[in-house]
């Protein structure tokens, strides 16, 4: 995967979609993540809520070290270091050496 595109999800019950593309800009994978209507750090800015989310999701079932899982996207984009989706998305791209599509 070389490129990623973040957009609002068209899937009922999900907040966002990330579409991954290879170096030839061919679609490789699509993930939908974030529960529509649910709070996240980018909506509330609540540091305690963020800490509780990260404690709850910091386990062996979820891999946050790969870009193409819903768990990783939620961890880094919705519950990242910034209260801004855009800033967290840019940090996510840098972390996984991806470019915007």
Protein backbone atom coordinates (compact mmCIF):
# COMPACT_ATOMS: atom_id res chain seq x y z
CA UNK A 1 0.00 0.00 0.00
CA UNK A 2 1.25 3.38 -0.96
CA UNK A 3 -1.75 5.73 -0.87
CA UNK A 4 -4.73 6.24 1.42
CA UNK A 5 -7.90 8.25 1.08
CA UNK A 6 -10.03 9.21 4.09
CA UNK A 7 -13.67 10.10 3.55
CA UNK A 8 -17.01 10.04 5.36
CA UNK A 9 -18.42 6.54 5.31
CA UNK A 10 -21.43 5.64 3.21
CA UNK A 11 -21.90 2.52 5.33
CA UNK A 12 -24.73 2.87 7.81
CA UNK A 13 -23.42 2.98 11.38
CA UNK A 14 -19.83 3.95 10.48
CA UNK A 15 -18.12 7.36 10.63
CA UNK A 16 -15.26 7.09 8.15
CA UNK A 17 -13.84 5.01 5.31
CA UNK A 18 -10.20 4.66 4.33
CA UNK A 19 -9.45 3.35 0.85
CA UNK A 20 -5.91 2.03 0.31
CA UNK A 21 -4.19 2.02 -3.09
CA UNK A 22 -0.99 0.48 -4.38
CA UNK A 23 1.83 2.34 -6.16
CA UNK A 24 -0.10 2.10 -9.45
CA UNK A 25 -3.11 3.71 -7.74
CA UNK A 26 -5.18 0.56 -7.91
CA UNK A 27 -7.55 -0.02 -5.02
CA UNK A 28 -6.20 -2.63 -2.62
CA UNK A 29 -8.45 -2.52 0.44
CA UNK A 30 -11.28 -0.52 2.01
CA UNK A 31 -12.01 -0.29 5.73
CA UNK A 32 -14.87 1.42 7.55
CA UNK A 33 -14.35 2.47 11.13
CA UNK A 34 -15.81 4.46 13.99
CA UNK A 35 -19.33 4.02 15.31
CA UNK A 36 -21.59 6.71 13.88
CA UNK A 37 -23.11 8.81 16.64
CA UNK A 38 -20.59 7.68 19.24
CA UNK A 39 -18.19 10.04 20.97
CA UNK A 40 -14.48 10.03 20.22
CA UNK A 41 -11.55 12.22 21.21
CA UNK A 42 -11.94 14.43 18.13
CA UNK A 43 -15.54 15.20 19.17
CA UNK A 44 -15.20 15.58 22.94
CA UNK A 45 -11.55 16.42 23.57
CA UNK A 46 -11.91 14.57 26.88
CA UNK A 47 -8.47 13.34 27.94
CA UNK A 48 -9.87 10.94 30.55
CA UNK A 49 -12.23 9.39 27.98
CA UNK A 50 -9.28 9.00 25.58
CA UNK A 51 -7.22 7.28 28.29
CA UNK A 52 -10.09 4.89 29.06
CA UNK A 53 -10.51 4.05 25.35
CA UNK A 54 -6.80 3.40 24.95
CA UNK A 55 -6.68 1.22 28.09
CA UNK A 56 -9.68 -0.77 26.87
CA UNK A 57 -8.29 -1.28 23.37
CA UNK A 58 -4.62 -1.83 24.17
CA UNK A 59 -4.72 -5.62 23.99
CA UNK A 60 -3.38 -8.51 21.96
CA UNK A 61 -6.53 -8.79 19.78
CA UNK A 62 -6.04 -5.38 18.18
CA UNK A 63 -2.99 -4.53 16.10
CA UNK A 64 -2.33 -0.79 15.99
CA UNK A 65 0.99 -1.20 14.18
CA UNK A 66 -0.48 -1.86 10.73
CA UNK A 67 -2.47 0.73 8.78
CA UNK A 68 -5.21 -1.42 7.28
CA UNK A 69 -7.38 -2.41 10.23
CA UNK A 70 -10.37 -0.60 11.68
CA UNK A 71 -8.78 -0.87 15.11
CA UNK A 72 -5.63 0.90 13.94
CA UNK A 73 -7.55 3.62 12.12
CA UNK A 74 -9.74 4.30 15.16
CA UNK A 75 -6.74 4.27 17.51
CA UNK A 76 -4.69 6.73 15.45
CA UNK A 77 -7.34 8.94 13.83
CA UNK A 78 -10.32 9.11 16.22
CA UNK A 79 -8.34 8.65 19.42
CA UNK A 80 -4.97 10.09 18.33
CA UNK A 81 -2.89 12.80 19.98
CA UNK A 82 -4.81 15.69 18.46
CA UNK A 83 -8.45 16.72 18.76
CA UNK A 84 -8.43 17.26 14.98
CA UNK A 85 -9.32 14.45 12.57
CA UNK A 86 -7.21 16.13 9.90
CA UNK A 87 -4.12 16.40 12.11
CA UNK A 88 -4.51 12.80 13.29
CA UNK A 89 -4.97 11.59 9.71
CA UNK A 90 -1.77 13.36 8.64
CA UNK A 91 0.09 11.79 11.58
CA UNK A 92 -1.35 8.38 10.58
CA UNK A 93 -0.06 8.83 7.02
CA UNK A 94 3.41 9.76 8.30
CA UNK A 95 3.48 6.87 10.78
CA UNK A 96 2.70 4.30 8.09
CA UNK A 97 4.62 6.00 5.28
CA UNK A 98 1.51 6.56 3.17
CA UNK A 99 0.60 9.44 0.87
CA UNK A 100 -2.79 11.06 0.41
CA UNK A 101 -4.61 9.76 -2.63
